């Protein structure tokens, strides 16, 4: 299963700029940009909750689960990545990947 970040869509619907959201939720513009582009391995629940509160939405409005196969040998990856103090963990792919349970 792949998780696609649709934060850009919700920002457009709310007519909010990334820098305004970053300031509102206390996240750096750089970290928000990484999250928005999907270049992260994970996001903390409290960060996700702050984003949802600021955008008046649900997590499902920003994260979309799609069926698909994992590529690049991520099967052995950590299930719980440790995020830096900014609230997100950097990744090298544009899609957050998770293992089916």
Protein backbone atom coordinates (compact mmCIF):
# COMPACT_ATOMS: atom_id res chain seq x y z
CA UNK A 1 0.00 0.00 0.00
CA UNK A 2 1.21 3.50 -0.79
CA UNK A 3 0.22 6.67 1.03
CA UNK A 4 0.11 9.79 -1.12
CA UNK A 5 0.26 13.23 0.48
CA UNK A 6 -2.43 15.57 -0.85
CA UNK A 7 -1.61 18.57 1.32
CA UNK A 8 -1.26 20.84 -1.71
CA UNK A 9 -4.87 20.12 -2.69
CA UNK A 10 -6.18 21.03 0.78
CA UNK A 11 -4.06 24.19 0.88
CA UNK A 12 -5.56 25.25 -2.46
CA UNK A 13 -9.11 24.51 -1.25
CA UNK A 14 -8.53 26.62 1.86
CA UNK A 15 -6.74 29.34 -0.16
CA UNK A 16 -3.82 29.18 2.25
CA UNK A 17 -0.12 29.51 1.48
CA UNK A 18 2.41 27.00 2.76
CA UNK A 19 4.30 29.63 4.72
CA UNK A 20 1.08 30.70 6.49
CA UNK A 21 0.29 27.09 7.44
CA UNK A 22 3.88 26.54 8.60
CA UNK A 23 3.71 29.60 10.84
CA UNK A 24 0.29 28.57 12.22
CA UNK A 25 1.34 25.02 13.16
CA UNK A 26 4.88 25.85 14.28
CA UNK A 27 6.72 23.90 11.57
CA UNK A 28 9.52 25.21 9.38
CA UNK A 29 8.63 26.07 5.79
CA UNK A 30 11.31 23.60 4.65
CA UNK A 31 9.83 20.70 6.63
CA UNK A 32 6.32 21.54 5.45
CA UNK A 33 7.61 21.60 1.87
CA UNK A 34 9.11 18.13 2.32
CA UNK A 35 5.82 16.86 3.70
CA UNK A 36 3.81 18.57 0.95
CA UNK A 37 5.95 17.00 -1.77
CA UNK A 38 5.69 13.56 -0.13
CA UNK A 39 9.44 13.30 0.47
CA UNK A 40 9.06 11.98 4.00
CA UNK A 41 8.97 8.54 5.59
CA UNK A 42 6.55 9.48 8.33
CA UNK A 43 4.74 12.23 10.14
CA UNK A 44 4.01 12.54 13.85
CA UNK A 45 0.38 12.33 14.89
CA UNK A 46 0.58 15.64 16.75
CA UNK A 47 1.94 17.34 13.60
CA UNK A 48 -0.86 15.79 11.55
CA UNK A 49 -3.40 16.92 14.16
CA UNK A 50 -2.09 20.52 14.06
CA UNK A 51 -2.27 20.53 10.25
CA UNK A 52 -5.83 19.20 10.31
CA UNK A 53 -6.88 21.75 12.95
CA UNK A 54 -5.39 24.64 10.95
CA UNK A 55 -7.01 23.46 7.69
CA UNK A 56 -10.27 22.33 9.34
CA UNK A 57 -10.04 18.87 7.78
CA UNK A 58 -9.55 15.20 8.57
CA UNK A 59 -6.31 13.19 8.07
CA UNK A 60 -7.98 11.39 5.16
CA UNK A 61 -8.33 14.73 3.38
CA UNK A 62 -4.53 15.08 3.25
CA UNK A 63 -3.40 11.45 3.08
CA UNK A 64 -4.66 9.05 0.44
CA UNK A 65 -4.08 5.30 0.54
CA UNK A 66 -3.65 3.62 -2.82
CA UNK A 67 -3.06 -0.03 -3.55
CA UNK A 68 0.22 -0.82 -5.17
CA UNK A 69 3.37 -2.80 -4.70
CA UNK A 70 6.35 -1.59 -2.78
CA UNK A 71 9.44 -1.01 -4.85
CA UNK A 72 13.04 -0.32 -4.02
CA UNK A 73 13.39 -2.95 -1.33
CA UNK A 74 11.44 -1.16 1.37
CA UNK A 75 10.11 -4.44 2.78
CA UNK A 76 12.84 -4.45 5.44
CA UNK A 77 12.44 -0.79 6.36
CA UNK A 78 11.64 0.30 9.90
CA UNK A 79 7.94 0.33 10.61
CA UNK A 80 8.17 3.30 13.00
CA UNK A 81 10.62 5.87 11.63
CA UNK A 82 11.97 8.31 14.18
CA UNK A 83 11.10 11.84 13.18
CA UNK A 84 13.36 14.82 13.91
CA UNK A 85 12.12 17.57 16.20
CA UNK A 86 10.35 19.19 13.22
CA UNK A 87 7.77 16.41 13.27
CA UNK A 88 8.58 14.60 10.02
CA UNK A 89 11.15 12.05 8.93
CA UNK A 90 12.91 12.73 5.59
CA UNK A 91 12.75 10.20 2.76
CA UNK A 92 14.07 9.87 -0.74
CA UNK A 93 10.80 8.97 -2.49
CA UNK A 94 7.85 11.23 -3.37
CA UNK A 95 5.35 8.76 -1.88
CA UNK A 96 5.13 7.62 1.72
CA UNK A 97 5.30 3.86 1.67
CA UNK A 98 3.91 1.43 4.19
CA UNK A 99 3.78 -2.31 4.51
CA UNK A 100 0.45 -4.14 4.24
CA UNK A 101 -0.55 -5.76 7.50
